[in-house]
Amino acid sequence: MNDKGGAATQPVVIKKYANRRLYNTSTSSYVTLEDLSMMVKQGHEFVVFDAKTSDEITRAVLTQIIVEEEQKGQNLLPISFLRQLISLYGDSMQWLVPRYLDHAMSTFARNQDQMRKSLQDAFGGLFPFGPLEEMGKQNLALFEKTMKMFSPFPAANSGDKPRLTRSAEEGAGEGSLDELRNRINVLQQQVEDLSKRDKE
């Protein structure tokens, strides 16, 4: 991240000890997951290292923060999305998921800024709950639709298992790959169209 002068600043280094305590090296003090959550919300970047092995464990700690927030009742992740995400671990499409989610969240962040601006512009009057709600529904629908499209052989309904076995999928060969590439291209176009529509 950048400071007010525009110069690049190094992320804060957090060390995690065997007793699960987290130590902020910039403030020389112990912090909690809640403190790290607040740092994220305030736009402060940090990296977390295992104090014993020196391995970077930032991803695991950020995931732990999400789990903590969900347990508090801050439910942002729909159950259907979580199931779809879990099913992609070890899948041949796993490599594409991080890149798409990063792009989707960036698009959502832009929409979030537009939502805030709409509320600010409408301050003192009626808040545009209708447009905001519709924008939120579009984002959620896009997210869930995308996760379903990651599977080249979607089930007939959510309760069915895929109709093709692994051997059948392998036998599909290049035709399946071509179909998958076409779906990805369509999906990317939908994301771009949604982003353009939100900017208008």
N, C-alpha and C. Protein backbone atom coordinates (compact mmCIF):
# COMPACT_ATOMS: atom_id res chain seq x y z
N MET A 1 0.83 -1.18 0.00
CA MET A 1 0.00 0.00 0.00
C MET A 1 0.87 1.23 0.00
N ASN A 2 0.31 2.42 -0.30
CA ASN A 2 1.07 3.64 -0.38
C ASN A 2 0.71 4.57 0.75
N ASP A 3 1.68 5.38 1.16
CA ASP A 3 1.38 6.39 2.17
C ASP A 3 0.89 7.63 1.47
N LYS A 4 0.67 8.72 2.24
CA LYS A 4 0.09 9.92 1.67
C LYS A 4 1.00 10.55 0.62
N GLY A 5 2.30 10.32 0.73
CA GLY A 5 3.23 10.88 -0.22
C GLY A 5 3.35 10.06 -1.49
N GLY A 6 2.68 8.90 -1.53
CA GLY A 6 2.69 8.07 -2.71
C GLY A 6 3.81 7.03 -2.71
N ALA A 7 4.67 7.06 -1.69
CA ALA A 7 5.77 6.11 -1.63
C ALA A 7 5.27 4.75 -1.14
N ALA A 8 5.84 3.71 -1.69
CA ALA A 8 5.43 2.36 -1.30
C ALA A 8 5.89 2.07 0.11
N THR A 9 5.04 1.43 0.89
CA THR A 9 5.38 1.06 2.26
C THR A 9 5.36 -0.45 2.38
N GLN A 10 6.20 -0.96 3.23
CA GLN A 10 6.28 -2.39 3.44
C GLN A 10 5.13 -2.87 4.33
N PRO A 11 4.59 -4.05 4.06
CA PRO A 11 3.52 -4.57 4.92
C PRO A 11 4.04 -4.85 6.32
N VAL A 12 3.16 -4.74 7.29
CA VAL A 12 3.51 -5.01 8.68
C VAL A 12 3.78 -6.51 8.84
N VAL A 13 4.81 -6.84 9.57
CA VAL A 13 5.16 -8.24 9.80
C VAL A 13 4.56 -8.71 11.13
N ILE A 14 3.77 -9.77 11.03
CA ILE A 14 3.15 -10.39 12.21
C ILE A 14 3.78 -11.76 12.40
N LYS A 15 4.17 -12.07 13.61
CA LYS A 15 4.73 -13.39 13.90
C LYS A 15 3.75 -14.18 14.76
N LYS A 16 3.56 -15.44 14.39
CA LYS A 16 2.67 -16.30 15.16
C LYS A 16 3.50 -17.34 15.90
N TYR A 17 3.32 -17.38 17.20
CA TYR A 17 4.10 -18.29 18.04
C TYR A 17 3.33 -19.59 18.30
N ALA A 18 4.03 -20.55 18.88
CA ALA A 18 3.46 -21.88 19.11
C ALA A 18 2.23 -21.83 20.01
N ASN A 19 2.18 -20.84 20.90
CA ASN A 19 1.03 -20.70 21.79
C ASN A 19 -0.14 -19.98 21.10
N ARG A 20 -0.02 -19.81 19.76
CA ARG A 20 -1.05 -19.18 18.93
C ARG A 20 -1.14 -17.67 19.12
N ARG A 21 -0.23 -17.10 19.87
CA ARG A 21 -0.24 -15.65 20.05
C ARG A 21 0.38 -14.98 18.84
N LEU A 22 -0.18 -13.85 18.48
CA LEU A 22 0.26 -13.09 17.31
C LEU A 22 0.99 -11.84 17.77
N TYR A 23 2.17 -11.60 17.19
CA TYR A 23 3.01 -10.49 17.64
C TYR A 23 3.24 -9.52 16.49
N ASN A 24 2.82 -8.26 16.70
CA ASN A 24 3.00 -7.20 15.71
C ASN A 24 4.38 -6.60 15.90
N THR A 25 5.28 -6.84 14.93
CA THR A 25 6.66 -6.38 15.08
C THR A 25 6.79 -4.87 14.93
N SER A 26 5.83 -4.21 14.30
CA SER A 26 5.92 -2.76 14.11
C SER A 26 5.55 -2.00 15.38
N THR A 27 4.66 -2.59 16.19
CA THR A 27 4.24 -1.93 17.43
C THR A 27 4.82 -2.61 18.65
N SER A 28 5.55 -3.72 18.43
CA SER A 28 6.12 -4.51 19.53
C SER A 28 5.08 -4.88 20.57
N SER A 29 3.96 -5.38 20.08
CA SER A 29 2.87 -5.76 20.98
C SER A 29 2.12 -6.95 20.42
N TYR A 30 1.46 -7.70 21.30
CA TYR A 30 0.65 -8.84 20.87
C TYR A 30 -0.70 -8.33 20.36
N VAL A 31 -1.22 -8.99 19.35
CA VAL A 31 -2.50 -8.61 18.77
C VAL A 31 -3.38 -9.84 18.67
N THR A 32 -4.65 -9.60 18.40
CA THR A 32 -5.62 -10.69 18.25
C THR A 32 -6.09 -10.76 16.79
N LEU A 33 -6.84 -11.79 16.49
CA LEU A 33 -7.42 -11.89 15.15
C LEU A 33 -8.35 -10.71 14.87
N GLU A 34 -9.02 -10.25 15.90
CA GLU A 34 -9.91 -9.10 15.75
C GLU A 34 -9.11 -7.85 15.38
N ASP A 35 -7.92 -7.70 15.98
CA ASP A 35 -7.05 -6.57 15.64
C ASP A 35 -6.62 -6.65 14.18
N LEU A 36 -6.28 -7.85 13.72
CA LEU A 36 -5.87 -8.02 12.33
C LEU A 36 -7.04 -7.76 11.38
N SER A 37 -8.23 -8.17 11.80
CA SER A 37 -9.42 -7.90 11.00
C SER A 37 -9.62 -6.40 10.83
N MET A 38 -9.41 -5.65 11.91
CA MET A 38 -9.55 -4.20 11.85
C MET A 38 -8.49 -3.59 10.94
N MET A 39 -7.28 -4.14 10.96
CA MET A 39 -6.22 -3.65 10.09
C MET A 39 -6.61 -3.82 8.62
N VAL A 40 -7.21 -4.96 8.30
CA VAL A 40 -7.65 -5.20 6.92
C VAL A 40 -8.70 -4.17 6.52
N LYS A 41 -9.67 -3.95 7.40
CA LYS A 41 -10.74 -3.00 7.09
C LYS A 41 -10.23 -1.58 6.95
N GLN A 42 -9.13 -1.27 7.63
CA GLN A 42 -8.54 0.07 7.55
C GLN A 42 -7.56 0.19 6.39
N GLY A 43 -7.37 -0.90 5.66
CA GLY A 43 -6.50 -0.86 4.49
C GLY A 43 -5.03 -1.07 4.77
N HIS A 44 -4.69 -1.56 5.98
CA HIS A 44 -3.30 -1.83 6.32
C HIS A 44 -2.92 -3.24 5.88
N GLU A 45 -1.83 -3.36 5.16
CA GLU A 45 -1.37 -4.66 4.70
C GLU A 45 -0.43 -5.28 5.73
N PHE A 46 -0.51 -6.60 5.84
CA PHE A 46 0.40 -7.30 6.73
C PHE A 46 0.67 -8.70 6.19
N VAL A 47 1.78 -9.26 6.63
CA VAL A 47 2.12 -10.65 6.31
C VAL A 47 2.37 -11.36 7.62
N VAL A 48 2.01 -12.62 7.68
CA VAL A 48 2.15 -13.39 8.92
C VAL A 48 3.15 -14.53 8.69
N PHE A 49 4.09 -14.66 9.61
CA PHE A 49 5.09 -15.72 9.54
C PHE A 49 5.03 -16.58 10.79
N ASP A 50 5.26 -17.87 10.60
CA ASP A 50 5.39 -18.77 11.74
C ASP A 50 6.72 -18.45 12.42
N ALA A 51 6.66 -18.10 13.70
CA ALA A 51 7.87 -17.68 14.41
C ALA A 51 8.93 -18.77 14.48
N LYS A 52 8.52 -20.03 14.45
CA LYS A 52 9.46 -21.14 14.57
C LYS A 52 10.07 -21.54 13.24
N THR A 53 9.23 -21.68 12.21
CA THR A 53 9.71 -22.17 10.92
C THR A 53 9.99 -21.06 9.91
N SER A 54 9.49 -19.86 10.20
CA SER A 54 9.62 -18.71 9.29
C SER A 54 8.78 -18.87 8.02
N ASP A 55 7.90 -19.87 7.99
CA ASP A 55 7.02 -20.04 6.84
C ASP A 55 5.95 -18.95 6.84
N GLU A 56 5.61 -18.46 5.65
CA GLU A 56 4.54 -17.46 5.58
C GLU A 56 3.19 -18.17 5.69
N ILE A 57 2.35 -17.69 6.60
CA ILE A 57 1.05 -18.32 6.84
C ILE A 57 -0.08 -17.29 6.76
N THR A 58 0.15 -16.24 5.95
CA THR A 58 -0.84 -15.16 5.83
C THR A 58 -2.19 -15.69 5.38
N ARG A 59 -2.20 -16.55 4.37
CA ARG A 59 -3.46 -17.08 3.84
C ARG A 59 -4.25 -17.81 4.92
N ALA A 60 -3.55 -18.64 5.71
CA ALA A 60 -4.22 -19.41 6.75
C ALA A 60 -4.81 -18.49 7.82
N VAL A 61 -4.08 -17.44 8.18
CA VAL A 61 -4.57 -16.52 9.21
C VAL A 61 -5.76 -15.71 8.69
N LEU A 62 -5.70 -15.26 7.44
CA LEU A 62 -6.83 -14.53 6.87
C LEU A 62 -8.07 -15.42 6.81
N THR A 63 -7.87 -16.68 6.46
CA THR A 63 -8.98 -17.63 6.43
C THR A 63 -9.56 -17.81 7.83
N GLN A 64 -8.67 -17.84 8.84
CA GLN A 64 -9.12 -17.97 10.22
C GLN A 64 -9.95 -16.77 10.65
N ILE A 65 -9.57 -15.58 10.16
CA ILE A 65 -10.34 -14.37 10.46
C ILE A 65 -11.75 -14.48 9.89
N ILE A 66 -11.84 -15.00 8.66
CA ILE A 66 -13.15 -15.17 8.03
C ILE A 66 -14.01 -16.13 8.83
N VAL A 67 -13.40 -17.23 9.29
CA VAL A 67 -14.14 -18.20 10.10
C VAL A 67 -14.66 -17.55 11.38
N GLU A 68 -13.81 -16.74 12.02
CA GLU A 68 -14.21 -16.05 13.25
C GLU A 68 -15.39 -15.12 12.98
N GLU A 69 -15.33 -14.37 11.88
CA GLU A 69 -16.42 -13.44 11.56
C GLU A 69 -17.71 -14.19 11.28
N GLU A 70 -17.60 -15.31 10.57
CA GLU A 70 -18.80 -16.10 10.27
C GLU A 70 -19.42 -16.66 11.55
N GLN A 71 -18.58 -17.06 12.49
CA GLN A 71 -19.09 -17.61 13.75
C GLN A 71 -19.77 -16.53 14.60
N LYS A 72 -19.41 -15.28 14.37
CA LYS A 72 -20.05 -14.18 15.10
C LYS A 72 -21.41 -13.83 14.52
N GLY A 73 -21.73 -14.44 13.39
CA GLY A 73 -23.01 -14.14 12.76
C GLY A 73 -22.89 -13.20 11.58
N GLN A 74 -21.64 -12.81 11.25
CA GLN A 74 -21.41 -11.95 10.09
C GLN A 74 -21.37 -12.83 8.83
N ASN A 75 -22.53 -13.34 8.44
CA ASN A 75 -22.59 -14.33 7.36
C ASN A 75 -22.57 -13.68 5.99
N LEU A 76 -21.41 -13.74 5.34
CA LEU A 76 -21.27 -13.21 3.99
C LEU A 76 -21.23 -14.32 2.94
N LEU A 77 -20.89 -15.53 3.36
CA LEU A 77 -20.70 -16.62 2.41
C LEU A 77 -21.90 -17.55 2.41
N PRO A 78 -22.68 -17.57 1.33
CA PRO A 78 -23.83 -18.48 1.25
C PRO A 78 -23.38 -19.93 1.33
N ILE A 79 -24.20 -20.79 1.93
CA ILE A 79 -23.86 -22.20 2.07
C ILE A 79 -23.63 -22.84 0.71
N SER A 80 -24.46 -22.49 -0.26
CA SER A 80 -24.30 -23.08 -1.60
C SER A 80 -22.95 -22.72 -2.19
N PHE A 81 -22.50 -21.48 -1.96
CA PHE A 81 -21.20 -21.05 -2.47
C PHE A 81 -20.08 -21.83 -1.79
N LEU A 82 -20.20 -22.01 -0.47
CA LEU A 82 -19.17 -22.75 0.27
C LEU A 82 -19.08 -24.19 -0.23
N ARG A 83 -20.23 -24.82 -0.47
CA ARG A 83 -20.22 -26.19 -0.98
C ARG A 83 -19.54 -26.26 -2.35
N GLN A 84 -19.87 -25.32 -3.22
CA GLN A 84 -19.28 -25.30 -4.56
C GLN A 84 -17.78 -25.05 -4.49
N LEU A 85 -17.38 -24.17 -3.59
CA LEU A 85 -15.96 -23.86 -3.45
C LEU A 85 -15.19 -25.08 -2.96
N ILE A 86 -15.73 -25.77 -1.95
CA ILE A 86 -15.08 -26.97 -1.41
C ILE A 86 -14.95 -28.03 -2.50
N SER A 87 -15.98 -28.18 -3.32
CA SER A 87 -15.96 -29.21 -4.36
C SER A 87 -14.89 -28.96 -5.41
N LEU A 88 -14.39 -27.73 -5.50
CA LEU A 88 -13.38 -27.40 -6.50
C LEU A 88 -11.96 -27.72 -6.05
N TYR A 89 -11.76 -28.00 -4.76
CA TYR A 89 -10.43 -28.38 -4.29
C TYR A 89 -10.04 -29.71 -4.92
N GLY A 90 -8.88 -29.74 -5.59
CA GLY A 90 -8.43 -30.95 -6.25
C GLY A 90 -9.03 -31.15 -7.62
N ASP A 91 -9.95 -30.27 -8.02
CA ASP A 91 -10.58 -30.37 -9.33
C ASP A 91 -9.63 -29.81 -10.39
N SER A 92 -9.82 -30.21 -11.63
CA SER A 92 -8.97 -29.73 -12.71
C SER A 92 -9.13 -28.23 -12.94
N MET A 93 -10.23 -27.65 -12.46
CA MET A 93 -10.48 -26.23 -12.63
C MET A 93 -9.95 -25.41 -11.46
N GLN A 94 -9.31 -26.03 -10.50
CA GLN A 94 -8.86 -25.33 -9.31
C GLN A 94 -7.94 -24.16 -9.64
N TRP A 95 -7.11 -24.30 -10.66
CA TRP A 95 -6.15 -23.25 -11.00
C TRP A 95 -6.82 -21.95 -11.41
N LEU A 96 -8.06 -22.03 -11.92
CA LEU A 96 -8.74 -20.85 -12.42
C LEU A 96 -9.50 -20.10 -11.32
N VAL A 97 -9.84 -20.81 -10.24
CA VAL A 97 -10.68 -20.22 -9.20
C VAL A 97 -10.06 -18.98 -8.55
N PRO A 98 -8.79 -19.01 -8.08
CA PRO A 98 -8.24 -17.81 -7.42
C PRO A 98 -8.27 -16.58 -8.32
N ARG A 99 -7.90 -16.77 -9.60
CA ARG A 99 -7.87 -15.62 -10.51
C ARG A 99 -9.26 -15.05 -10.73
N TYR A 100 -10.25 -15.94 -10.90
CA TYR A 100 -11.61 -15.44 -11.11
C TYR A 100 -12.15 -14.75 -9.86
N LEU A 101 -11.96 -15.37 -8.69
CA LEU A 101 -12.48 -14.77 -7.46
C LEU A 101 -11.85 -13.41 -7.22
N ASP A 102 -10.56 -13.28 -7.51
CA ASP A 102 -9.88 -11.99 -7.34
C ASP A 102 -10.51 -10.94 -8.25
N HIS A 103 -10.78 -11.33 -9.50
CA HIS A 103 -11.40 -10.41 -10.45
C HIS A 103 -12.83 -10.06 -10.03
N ALA A 104 -13.58 -11.07 -9.58
CA ALA A 104 -14.97 -10.85 -9.18
C ALA A 104 -15.05 -9.92 -7.97
N MET A 105 -14.14 -10.11 -7.00
CA MET A 105 -14.16 -9.27 -5.81
C MET A 105 -13.74 -7.84 -6.14
N SER A 106 -12.83 -7.67 -7.12
CA SER A 106 -12.43 -6.33 -7.55
C SER A 106 -13.63 -5.62 -8.18
N THR A 107 -14.39 -6.36 -8.98
CA THR A 107 -15.59 -5.80 -9.58
C THR A 107 -16.60 -5.41 -8.52
N PHE A 108 -16.76 -6.27 -7.53
CA PHE A 108 -17.69 -5.97 -6.44
C PHE A 108 -17.23 -4.74 -5.67
N ALA A 109 -15.92 -4.60 -5.47
CA ALA A 109 -15.40 -3.44 -4.74
C ALA A 109 -15.73 -2.15 -5.47
N ARG A 110 -15.65 -2.18 -6.80
CA ARG A 110 -16.03 -0.99 -7.57
C ARG A 110 -17.51 -0.69 -7.40
N ASN A 111 -18.33 -1.73 -7.40
CA ASN A 111 -19.77 -1.53 -7.18
C ASN A 111 -20.03 -0.97 -5.78
N GLN A 112 -19.24 -1.46 -4.81
CA GLN A 112 -19.40 -0.99 -3.43
C GLN A 112 -19.14 0.50 -3.34
N ASP A 113 -18.13 0.98 -4.05
CA ASP A 113 -17.85 2.42 -4.06
C ASP A 113 -19.02 3.19 -4.66
N GLN A 114 -19.62 2.63 -5.70
CA GLN A 114 -20.77 3.27 -6.32
C GLN A 114 -21.96 3.31 -5.37
N MET A 115 -22.14 2.23 -4.59
CA MET A 115 -23.22 2.20 -3.61
C MET A 115 -23.03 3.30 -2.57
N ARG A 116 -21.81 3.43 -2.07
CA ARG A 116 -21.53 4.45 -1.07
C ARG A 116 -21.76 5.85 -1.63
N LYS A 117 -21.34 6.06 -2.89
CA LYS A 117 -21.52 7.36 -3.51
C LYS A 117 -23.01 7.67 -3.67
N SER A 118 -23.80 6.64 -4.03
CA SER A 118 -25.24 6.85 -4.17
C SER A 118 -25.87 7.27 -2.85
N LEU A 119 -25.44 6.63 -1.76
CA LEU A 119 -25.95 6.99 -0.45
C LEU A 119 -25.55 8.41 -0.07
N GLN A 120 -24.32 8.79 -0.40
CA GLN A 120 -23.85 10.13 -0.08
C GLN A 120 -24.61 11.18 -0.88
N ASP A 121 -24.84 10.90 -2.17
CA ASP A 121 -25.57 11.83 -3.03
C ASP A 121 -27.01 11.98 -2.58
N ALA A 122 -27.57 10.90 -2.01
CA ALA A 122 -28.98 10.92 -1.59
C ALA A 122 -29.14 11.34 -0.13
N PHE A 123 -28.06 11.73 0.53
CA PHE A 123 -28.14 12.10 1.95
C PHE A 123 -29.12 13.25 2.14
N GLY A 124 -30.03 13.08 3.08
CA GLY A 124 -31.04 14.10 3.32
C GLY A 124 -32.33 13.80 2.59
N GLY A 125 -32.28 12.83 1.67
CA GLY A 125 -33.46 12.44 0.93
C GLY A 125 -33.74 10.97 1.12
N LEU A 126 -34.42 10.39 0.16
CA LEU A 126 -34.70 8.96 0.23
C LEU A 126 -33.50 8.19 -0.27
N PHE A 127 -33.06 7.20 0.49
CA PHE A 127 -31.94 6.37 0.07
C PHE A 127 -32.38 5.44 -1.06
N PRO A 128 -31.54 5.23 -2.05
CA PRO A 128 -31.92 4.39 -3.20
C PRO A 128 -31.80 2.90 -2.89
N PHE A 129 -32.63 2.44 -1.96
CA PHE A 129 -32.54 1.04 -1.56
C PHE A 129 -32.83 0.09 -2.71
N GLY A 130 -33.78 0.49 -3.59
CA GLY A 130 -34.11 -0.37 -4.72
C GLY A 130 -32.92 -0.67 -5.61
N PRO A 131 -32.25 0.38 -6.15
CA PRO A 131 -31.07 0.15 -6.99
C PRO A 131 -29.96 -0.59 -6.27
N LEU A 132 -29.73 -0.27 -4.99
CA LEU A 132 -28.68 -0.93 -4.24
C LEU A 132 -28.97 -2.41 -4.07
N GLU A 133 -30.23 -2.72 -3.77
CA GLU A 133 -30.61 -4.12 -3.58
C GLU A 133 -30.45 -4.88 -4.89
N GLU A 134 -30.83 -4.25 -6.00
CA GLU A 134 -30.72 -4.90 -7.30
C GLU A 134 -29.27 -5.15 -7.66
N MET A 135 -28.39 -4.19 -7.35
CA MET A 135 -26.97 -4.35 -7.64
C MET A 135 -26.40 -5.50 -6.83
N GLY A 136 -26.83 -5.60 -5.57
CA GLY A 136 -26.36 -6.69 -4.72
C GLY A 136 -26.81 -8.04 -5.24
N LYS A 137 -28.05 -8.11 -5.71
CA LYS A 137 -28.57 -9.36 -6.26
C LYS A 137 -27.80 -9.76 -7.52
N GLN A 138 -27.46 -8.77 -8.35
CA GLN A 138 -26.72 -9.07 -9.56
C GLN A 138 -25.34 -9.64 -9.23
N ASN A 139 -24.68 -9.05 -8.24
CA ASN A 139 -23.36 -9.54 -7.85
C ASN A 139 -23.44 -10.97 -7.32
N LEU A 140 -24.43 -11.25 -6.46
CA LEU A 140 -24.57 -12.58 -5.90
C LEU A 140 -24.91 -13.59 -6.98
N ALA A 141 -25.81 -13.20 -7.89
CA ALA A 141 -26.20 -14.10 -8.97
C ALA A 141 -25.00 -14.42 -9.86
N LEU A 142 -24.20 -13.40 -10.15
CA LEU A 142 -23.01 -13.61 -10.97
C LEU A 142 -22.04 -14.55 -10.29
N PHE A 143 -21.86 -14.34 -8.98
CA PHE A 143 -20.93 -15.18 -8.21
C PHE A 143 -21.35 -16.64 -8.25
N GLU A 144 -22.63 -16.91 -7.94
CA GLU A 144 -23.12 -18.27 -7.89
C GLU A 144 -23.16 -18.91 -9.28
N LYS A 145 -23.53 -18.11 -10.28
CA LYS A 145 -23.59 -18.63 -11.64
C LYS A 145 -22.20 -19.04 -12.11
N THR A 146 -21.22 -18.23 -11.75
CA THR A 146 -19.84 -18.52 -12.15
C THR A 146 -19.36 -19.83 -11.56
N MET A 147 -19.62 -20.05 -10.26
CA MET A 147 -19.16 -21.26 -9.61
C MET A 147 -19.80 -22.49 -10.26
N LYS A 148 -21.05 -22.36 -10.70
CA LYS A 148 -21.71 -23.47 -11.36
C LYS A 148 -21.10 -23.74 -12.73
N MET A 149 -20.69 -22.66 -13.40
CA MET A 149 -20.14 -22.80 -14.75
C MET A 149 -18.74 -23.37 -14.72
N PHE A 150 -18.08 -23.38 -13.55
CA PHE A 150 -16.75 -23.96 -13.48
C PHE A 150 -16.78 -25.45 -13.79
N SER A 151 -17.93 -26.09 -13.52
CA SER A 151 -18.05 -27.52 -13.80
C SER A 151 -18.46 -27.73 -15.24
N PRO A 152 -17.65 -28.42 -16.06
CA PRO A 152 -18.00 -28.61 -17.46
C PRO A 152 -19.20 -29.52 -17.66
N PHE A 153 -19.59 -30.28 -16.61
CA PHE A 153 -20.74 -31.17 -16.70
C PHE A 153 -21.67 -30.91 -15.52
N PRO A 154 -22.42 -29.78 -15.51
CA PRO A 154 -23.29 -29.48 -14.38
C PRO A 154 -24.41 -30.50 -14.25
N ALA A 155 -24.84 -30.69 -13.00
CA ALA A 155 -25.93 -31.63 -12.75
C ALA A 155 -27.24 -31.04 -13.22
N ALA A 156 -28.23 -31.90 -13.38
CA ALA A 156 -29.55 -31.45 -13.84
C ALA A 156 -30.18 -30.55 -12.81
N ASN A 157 -29.95 -30.82 -11.53
CA ASN A 157 -30.39 -29.93 -10.47
C ASN A 157 -29.42 -30.06 -9.32
N SER A 158 -29.60 -29.22 -8.30
CA SER A 158 -28.63 -29.17 -7.21
C SER A 158 -28.55 -30.47 -6.42
N GLY A 159 -29.59 -31.31 -6.50
CA GLY A 159 -29.57 -32.53 -5.71
C GLY A 159 -28.99 -33.71 -6.47
N ASP A 160 -28.75 -33.55 -7.80
CA ASP A 160 -28.23 -34.65 -8.59
C ASP A 160 -26.72 -34.67 -8.59
N LYS A 161 -26.15 -35.84 -8.81
CA LYS A 161 -24.73 -35.97 -8.98
C LYS A 161 -24.43 -35.79 -10.47
N PRO A 162 -23.17 -35.45 -10.83
CA PRO A 162 -22.83 -35.32 -12.24
C PRO A 162 -23.19 -36.59 -13.00
N ARG A 163 -23.68 -36.40 -14.21
CA ARG A 163 -24.16 -37.55 -14.97
C ARG A 163 -23.02 -38.36 -15.58
N LEU A 164 -21.85 -37.74 -15.73
CA LEU A 164 -20.74 -38.44 -16.34
C LEU A 164 -19.72 -38.85 -15.29
N THR A 165 -19.21 -40.05 -15.42
CA THR A 165 -18.17 -40.51 -14.51
C THR A 165 -16.84 -39.91 -14.90
N ARG A 166 -15.82 -40.08 -14.04
CA ARG A 166 -14.50 -39.54 -14.34
C ARG A 166 -13.95 -40.13 -15.65
N SER A 167 -14.19 -41.44 -15.87
CA SER A 167 -13.70 -42.07 -17.10
C SER A 167 -14.39 -41.48 -18.32
N ALA A 168 -15.68 -41.16 -18.16
CA ALA A 168 -16.41 -40.56 -19.28
C ALA A 168 -15.89 -39.16 -19.57
N GLU A 169 -15.56 -38.44 -18.49
CA GLU A 169 -15.02 -37.09 -18.67
C GLU A 169 -13.70 -37.14 -19.41
N GLU A 170 -12.84 -38.10 -19.03
CA GLU A 170 -11.55 -38.22 -19.68
C GLU A 170 -11.73 -38.58 -21.14
N GLY A 171 -12.77 -39.37 -21.42
CA GLY A 171 -13.01 -39.77 -22.80
C GLY A 171 -13.56 -38.65 -23.66
N ALA A 172 -14.08 -37.62 -23.02
CA ALA A 172 -14.63 -36.50 -23.78
C ALA A 172 -13.55 -35.78 -24.56
N GLY A 173 -12.32 -35.78 -24.03
CA GLY A 173 -11.17 -35.25 -24.76
C GLY A 173 -11.26 -33.78 -25.07
N GLU A 174 -10.76 -33.44 -26.27
CA GLU A 174 -10.64 -32.04 -26.67
C GLU A 174 -11.98 -31.35 -26.76
N GLY A 175 -13.04 -32.11 -27.09
CA GLY A 175 -14.35 -31.49 -27.20
C GLY A 175 -14.77 -30.84 -25.90
N SER A 176 -14.51 -31.52 -24.78
CA SER A 176 -14.86 -30.97 -23.47
C SER A 176 -14.04 -29.73 -23.17
N LEU A 177 -12.75 -29.76 -23.54
CA LEU A 177 -11.90 -28.60 -23.30
C LEU A 177 -12.37 -27.41 -24.10
N ASP A 178 -12.76 -27.64 -25.35
CA ASP A 178 -13.26 -26.55 -26.18
C ASP A 178 -14.53 -25.96 -25.59
N GLU A 179 -15.42 -26.84 -25.12
CA GLU A 179 -16.66 -26.37 -24.50
C GLU A 179 -16.37 -25.54 -23.26
N LEU A 180 -15.39 -26.00 -22.48
CA LEU A 180 -15.02 -25.30 -21.26
C LEU A 180 -14.44 -23.93 -21.58
N ARG A 181 -13.57 -23.88 -22.58
CA ARG A 181 -13.00 -22.59 -22.98
C ARG A 181 -14.09 -21.62 -23.43
N ASN A 182 -15.07 -22.14 -24.17
CA ASN A 182 -16.17 -21.28 -24.62
C ASN A 182 -16.96 -20.75 -23.44
N ARG A 183 -17.19 -21.60 -22.43
CA ARG A 183 -17.93 -21.16 -21.24
C ARG A 183 -17.17 -20.08 -20.50
N ILE A 184 -15.85 -20.26 -20.40
CA ILE A 184 -15.03 -19.26 -19.71
C ILE A 184 -15.08 -17.93 -20.45
N ASN A 185 -15.01 -17.99 -21.80
CA ASN A 185 -15.07 -16.75 -22.59
C ASN A 185 -16.40 -16.05 -22.40
N VAL A 186 -17.49 -16.83 -22.39
CA VAL A 186 -18.82 -16.25 -22.17
C VAL A 186 -18.89 -15.61 -20.79
N LEU A 187 -18.34 -16.30 -19.80
CA LEU A 187 -18.36 -15.80 -18.43
C LEU A 187 -17.59 -14.50 -18.31
N GLN A 188 -16.41 -14.44 -18.92
CA GLN A 188 -15.62 -13.22 -18.87
C GLN A 188 -16.35 -12.07 -19.52
N GLN A 189 -17.05 -12.34 -20.63
CA GLN A 189 -17.81 -11.30 -21.30
C GLN A 189 -18.95 -10.80 -20.42
N GLN A 190 -19.60 -11.72 -19.69
CA GLN A 190 -20.68 -11.32 -18.79
C GLN A 190 -20.17 -10.42 -17.68
N VAL A 191 -18.99 -10.77 -17.14
CA VAL A 191 -18.40 -9.94 -16.09
C VAL A 191 -18.10 -8.54 -16.61
N GLU A 192 -17.53 -8.47 -17.83
CA GLU A 192 -17.21 -7.17 -18.42
C GLU A 192 -18.46 -6.36 -18.70
N ASP A 193 -19.51 -7.02 -19.20
CA ASP A 193 -20.77 -6.32 -19.48
C ASP A 193 -21.39 -5.79 -18.21
N LEU A 194 -21.35 -6.59 -17.14
CA LEU A 194 -21.91 -6.15 -15.86
C LEU A 194 -21.14 -4.96 -15.33
N SER A 195 -19.81 -5.00 -15.45
CA SER A 195 -18.98 -3.91 -14.97
C SER A 195 -19.26 -2.63 -15.74
N LYS A 196 -19.43 -2.74 -17.10
CA LYS A 196 -19.73 -1.57 -17.92
C LYS A 196 -21.10 -1.01 -17.57
N ARG A 197 -22.08 -1.90 -17.34
CA ARG A 197 -23.44 -1.46 -17.03
C ARG A 197 -23.49 -0.71 -15.71
N ASP A 198 -22.68 -1.17 -14.72
CA ASP A 198 -22.65 -0.52 -13.43
C ASP A 198 -22.01 0.86 -13.50
N LYS A 199 -21.09 1.04 -14.47
CA LYS A 199 -20.41 2.33 -14.59
C LYS A 199 -21.27 3.38 -15.27
N GLU A 200 -22.28 2.92 -16.05
CA GLU A 200 -23.14 3.86 -16.79
C GLU A 200 -24.10 4.60 -15.86
